[in-house]
């Protein structure tokens, strides 16, 4: 199933990038551009990452993805991520 229609990125591709260490929507965007055009897929990317793709530890920085349900675009996610 496609997650990002703008760039033709599938759920399996997002999961593969997550398995390879991408833990945030920004890191997924860097790996495959998903979330960088219209932004409608950012919530789906967050849901995929929220399935335990990347274990969180006390020393990791970034945003807890499950708390970003209201984020509409990658740009908004980046602002929240930088503020954390």
N, C-alpha and C. Protein backbone atom coordinates (compact mmCIF):
# COMPACT_ATOMS: atom_id res chain seq x y z
N UNK A 1 0.84 -1.17 0.00
CA UNK A 1 0.00 0.00 0.00
C UNK A 1 0.89 1.25 0.00
N UNK A 2 0.50 2.23 -0.80
CA UNK A 2 1.27 3.47 -0.85
C UNK A 2 1.01 4.32 0.39
N UNK A 3 2.08 4.84 0.95
CA UNK A 3 2.01 5.79 2.05
C UNK A 3 2.09 7.20 1.47
N UNK A 4 3.03 7.40 0.56
CA UNK A 4 3.26 8.70 -0.06
C UNK A 4 2.97 8.58 -1.56
N UNK A 5 1.84 9.12 -1.96
CA UNK A 5 1.49 9.08 -3.38
C UNK A 5 2.34 10.03 -4.21
N UNK A 6 2.81 11.11 -3.62
CA UNK A 6 3.61 12.09 -4.36
C UNK A 6 4.90 11.47 -4.90
N UNK A 7 5.53 10.61 -4.10
CA UNK A 7 6.80 10.01 -4.49
C UNK A 7 6.73 8.49 -4.65
N UNK A 8 5.53 7.93 -4.57
CA UNK A 8 5.37 6.49 -4.78
C UNK A 8 6.06 5.63 -3.74
N UNK A 9 6.03 6.07 -2.48
CA UNK A 9 6.69 5.34 -1.40
C UNK A 9 5.66 4.45 -0.71
N UNK A 10 6.00 3.19 -0.57
CA UNK A 10 5.08 2.22 0.03
C UNK A 10 5.30 2.09 1.54
N UNK A 11 4.32 1.49 2.19
CA UNK A 11 4.44 1.21 3.62
C UNK A 11 5.66 0.32 3.88
N UNK A 12 5.89 -0.65 3.02
CA UNK A 12 7.04 -1.55 3.18
C UNK A 12 8.35 -0.79 3.09
N UNK A 13 8.42 0.20 2.20
CA UNK A 13 9.64 1.01 2.08
C UNK A 13 9.87 1.85 3.33
N UNK A 14 8.80 2.45 3.85
CA UNK A 14 8.93 3.24 5.09
C UNK A 14 9.38 2.32 6.22
N UNK A 15 8.79 1.14 6.32
CA UNK A 15 9.17 0.20 7.36
C UNK A 15 10.63 -0.23 7.21
N UNK A 16 11.08 -0.42 5.97
CA UNK A 16 12.48 -0.80 5.74
C UNK A 16 13.43 0.30 6.20
N UNK A 17 13.09 1.55 5.90
CA UNK A 17 13.92 2.68 6.37
C UNK A 17 13.91 2.74 7.89
N UNK A 18 12.75 2.47 8.49
CA UNK A 18 12.67 2.44 9.95
C UNK A 18 13.53 1.32 10.52
N UNK A 19 13.48 0.16 9.88
CA UNK A 19 14.31 -0.97 10.32
C UNK A 19 15.79 -0.65 10.19
N UNK A 20 16.12 0.24 9.25
CA UNK A 20 17.51 0.64 9.05
C UNK A 20 17.92 1.81 9.92
N UNK A 21 17.02 2.26 10.82
CA UNK A 21 17.40 3.26 11.81
C UNK A 21 16.67 4.59 11.74
N UNK A 22 15.82 4.81 10.75
CA UNK A 22 15.07 6.06 10.70
C UNK A 22 13.99 6.04 11.78
N UNK A 23 14.01 7.02 12.67
CA UNK A 23 13.10 7.03 13.81
C UNK A 23 12.11 8.18 13.81
N UNK A 24 12.26 9.11 12.88
CA UNK A 24 11.39 10.28 12.84
C UNK A 24 10.90 10.51 11.41
N UNK A 25 9.80 11.25 11.26
CA UNK A 25 9.37 11.59 9.90
C UNK A 25 10.45 12.32 9.11
N UNK A 26 11.23 13.13 9.77
CA UNK A 26 12.32 13.84 9.09
C UNK A 26 13.35 12.86 8.54
N UNK A 27 13.68 11.84 9.30
CA UNK A 27 14.65 10.85 8.83
C UNK A 27 14.08 10.02 7.69
N UNK A 28 12.79 9.72 7.74
CA UNK A 28 12.15 9.03 6.62
C UNK A 28 12.20 9.92 5.38
N UNK A 29 11.92 11.20 5.56
CA UNK A 29 11.97 12.15 4.43
C UNK A 29 13.37 12.21 3.82
N UNK A 30 14.38 12.19 4.65
CA UNK A 30 15.75 12.21 4.14
C UNK A 30 16.08 10.95 3.35
N UNK A 31 15.49 9.85 3.77
CA UNK A 31 15.78 8.57 3.12
C UNK A 31 15.04 8.39 1.80
N UNK A 32 13.79 8.91 1.70
CA UNK A 32 13.00 8.59 0.51
C UNK A 32 12.08 9.71 0.03
N UNK A 33 12.17 10.89 0.62
CA UNK A 33 11.37 12.07 0.27
C UNK A 33 9.92 12.01 0.73
N UNK A 34 9.47 10.91 1.27
CA UNK A 34 8.08 10.83 1.73
C UNK A 34 7.82 11.91 2.76
N UNK A 35 6.73 12.64 2.57
CA UNK A 35 6.35 13.70 3.50
C UNK A 35 6.88 15.07 3.15
N UNK A 36 7.62 15.18 2.05
CA UNK A 36 8.23 16.47 1.72
C UNK A 36 7.46 17.28 0.70
N UNK A 37 6.40 16.74 0.11
CA UNK A 37 5.66 17.50 -0.89
C UNK A 37 4.36 18.01 -0.26
N UNK A 38 3.29 17.29 -0.36
CA UNK A 38 2.01 17.80 0.15
C UNK A 38 1.85 17.59 1.65
N UNK A 39 2.56 16.62 2.24
CA UNK A 39 2.52 16.38 3.68
C UNK A 39 1.37 15.52 4.16
N UNK A 40 0.51 15.07 3.26
CA UNK A 40 -0.65 14.29 3.70
C UNK A 40 -0.27 12.92 4.25
N UNK A 41 0.92 12.46 4.00
CA UNK A 41 1.34 11.13 4.46
C UNK A 41 2.06 11.14 5.80
N UNK A 42 2.31 12.31 6.36
CA UNK A 42 3.09 12.39 7.59
C UNK A 42 2.43 11.62 8.74
N UNK A 43 1.12 11.73 8.85
CA UNK A 43 0.43 10.98 9.91
C UNK A 43 0.59 9.48 9.75
N UNK A 44 0.52 9.01 8.52
CA UNK A 44 0.69 7.57 8.26
C UNK A 44 2.12 7.14 8.59
N UNK A 45 3.09 7.97 8.23
CA UNK A 45 4.49 7.67 8.55
C UNK A 45 4.66 7.60 10.06
N UNK A 46 4.06 8.54 10.78
CA UNK A 46 4.12 8.53 12.24
C UNK A 46 3.51 7.25 12.81
N UNK A 47 2.42 6.81 12.22
CA UNK A 47 1.77 5.58 12.68
C UNK A 47 2.69 4.38 12.48
N UNK A 48 3.35 4.33 11.34
CA UNK A 48 4.28 3.23 11.06
C UNK A 48 5.43 3.27 12.05
N UNK A 49 5.98 4.44 12.28
CA UNK A 49 7.09 4.57 13.23
C UNK A 49 6.65 4.28 14.65
N UNK A 50 5.40 4.54 14.96
CA UNK A 50 4.88 4.31 16.30
C UNK A 50 4.69 2.84 16.64
N UNK A 51 4.89 1.97 15.66
CA UNK A 51 4.75 0.52 15.89
C UNK A 51 6.00 -0.09 16.51
N UNK A 52 6.84 0.72 17.10
CA UNK A 52 8.03 0.19 17.74
C UNK A 52 9.21 0.06 16.80
N UNK A 53 9.21 0.85 15.73
CA UNK A 53 10.29 0.77 14.76
C UNK A 53 11.62 1.19 15.35
N UNK A 54 11.58 2.07 16.34
CA UNK A 54 12.81 2.57 16.92
C UNK A 54 12.63 2.68 18.42
N UNK A 55 13.37 1.91 19.19
CA UNK A 55 13.23 2.00 20.64
C UNK A 55 13.71 3.36 21.14
N UNK A 56 12.98 3.92 22.07
CA UNK A 56 13.36 5.21 22.65
C UNK A 56 14.14 4.95 23.93
N UNK A 57 15.12 5.77 24.16
CA UNK A 57 15.86 5.67 25.40
C UNK A 57 15.92 7.05 26.04
N UNK A 58 16.36 7.11 27.27
CA UNK A 58 16.37 8.38 28.00
C UNK A 58 17.29 9.41 27.36
N UNK A 59 18.32 8.99 26.64
CA UNK A 59 19.26 9.94 26.07
C UNK A 59 18.91 10.35 24.64
N UNK A 60 17.91 9.74 24.02
CA UNK A 60 17.52 10.10 22.67
C UNK A 60 16.78 11.41 22.68
N UNK A 61 17.10 12.27 21.72
CA UNK A 61 16.34 13.50 21.57
C UNK A 61 15.31 13.30 20.49
N UNK A 62 14.39 14.23 20.39
CA UNK A 62 13.36 14.15 19.35
C UNK A 62 11.99 14.18 19.97
N UNK A 63 11.01 13.99 19.16
CA UNK A 63 9.63 14.08 19.57
C UNK A 63 9.04 12.69 19.72
N UNK A 64 8.22 12.52 20.74
CA UNK A 64 7.50 11.28 20.88
C UNK A 64 6.42 11.29 19.82
N UNK A 65 6.51 10.37 18.86
CA UNK A 65 5.64 10.42 17.69
C UNK A 65 4.18 10.22 18.02
N UNK A 66 3.86 9.48 19.03
CA UNK A 66 2.46 9.25 19.34
C UNK A 66 1.77 10.53 19.79
N UNK A 67 2.53 11.53 20.19
CA UNK A 67 1.96 12.79 20.62
C UNK A 67 1.75 13.77 19.50
N UNK A 68 1.95 13.36 18.26
CA UNK A 68 1.86 14.28 17.13
C UNK A 68 0.62 14.05 16.26
N UNK A 69 -0.44 13.57 16.84
CA UNK A 69 -1.62 13.23 16.04
C UNK A 69 -2.18 14.42 15.28
N UNK A 70 -1.97 15.63 15.79
CA UNK A 70 -2.54 16.79 15.14
C UNK A 70 -1.63 17.40 14.07
N UNK A 71 -0.45 16.89 13.88
CA UNK A 71 0.48 17.45 12.90
C UNK A 71 0.00 17.18 11.49
N UNK A 72 -0.05 18.21 10.67
CA UNK A 72 -0.54 18.09 9.30
C UNK A 72 0.57 17.94 8.28
N UNK A 73 1.72 18.55 8.51
CA UNK A 73 2.79 18.52 7.51
C UNK A 73 4.12 18.19 8.16
N UNK A 74 5.07 17.80 7.32
CA UNK A 74 6.42 17.52 7.81
C UNK A 74 7.03 18.77 8.41
N UNK A 75 6.75 19.93 7.82
CA UNK A 75 7.29 21.19 8.35
C UNK A 75 6.83 21.40 9.78
N UNK A 76 5.56 21.13 10.08
CA UNK A 76 5.07 21.25 11.44
C UNK A 76 5.76 20.25 12.36
N UNK A 77 5.97 19.04 11.87
CA UNK A 77 6.65 18.02 12.66
C UNK A 77 8.07 18.45 12.98
N UNK A 78 8.74 19.07 12.00
CA UNK A 78 10.11 19.53 12.22
C UNK A 78 10.17 20.62 13.28
N UNK A 79 9.21 21.54 13.25
CA UNK A 79 9.18 22.61 14.24
C UNK A 79 8.99 22.01 15.63
N UNK A 80 8.06 21.07 15.76
CA UNK A 80 7.84 20.42 17.05
C UNK A 80 9.06 19.62 17.49
N UNK A 81 9.70 18.95 16.54
CA UNK A 81 10.87 18.13 16.83
C UNK A 81 12.01 19.01 17.33
N UNK A 82 12.22 20.17 16.70
CA UNK A 82 13.29 21.08 17.11
C UNK A 82 13.02 21.69 18.47
N UNK A 83 11.75 21.89 18.80
CA UNK A 83 11.39 22.49 20.09
C UNK A 83 11.56 21.51 21.24
N UNK A 84 11.56 20.22 20.95
CA UNK A 84 11.66 19.21 22.00
C UNK A 84 13.04 19.13 22.60
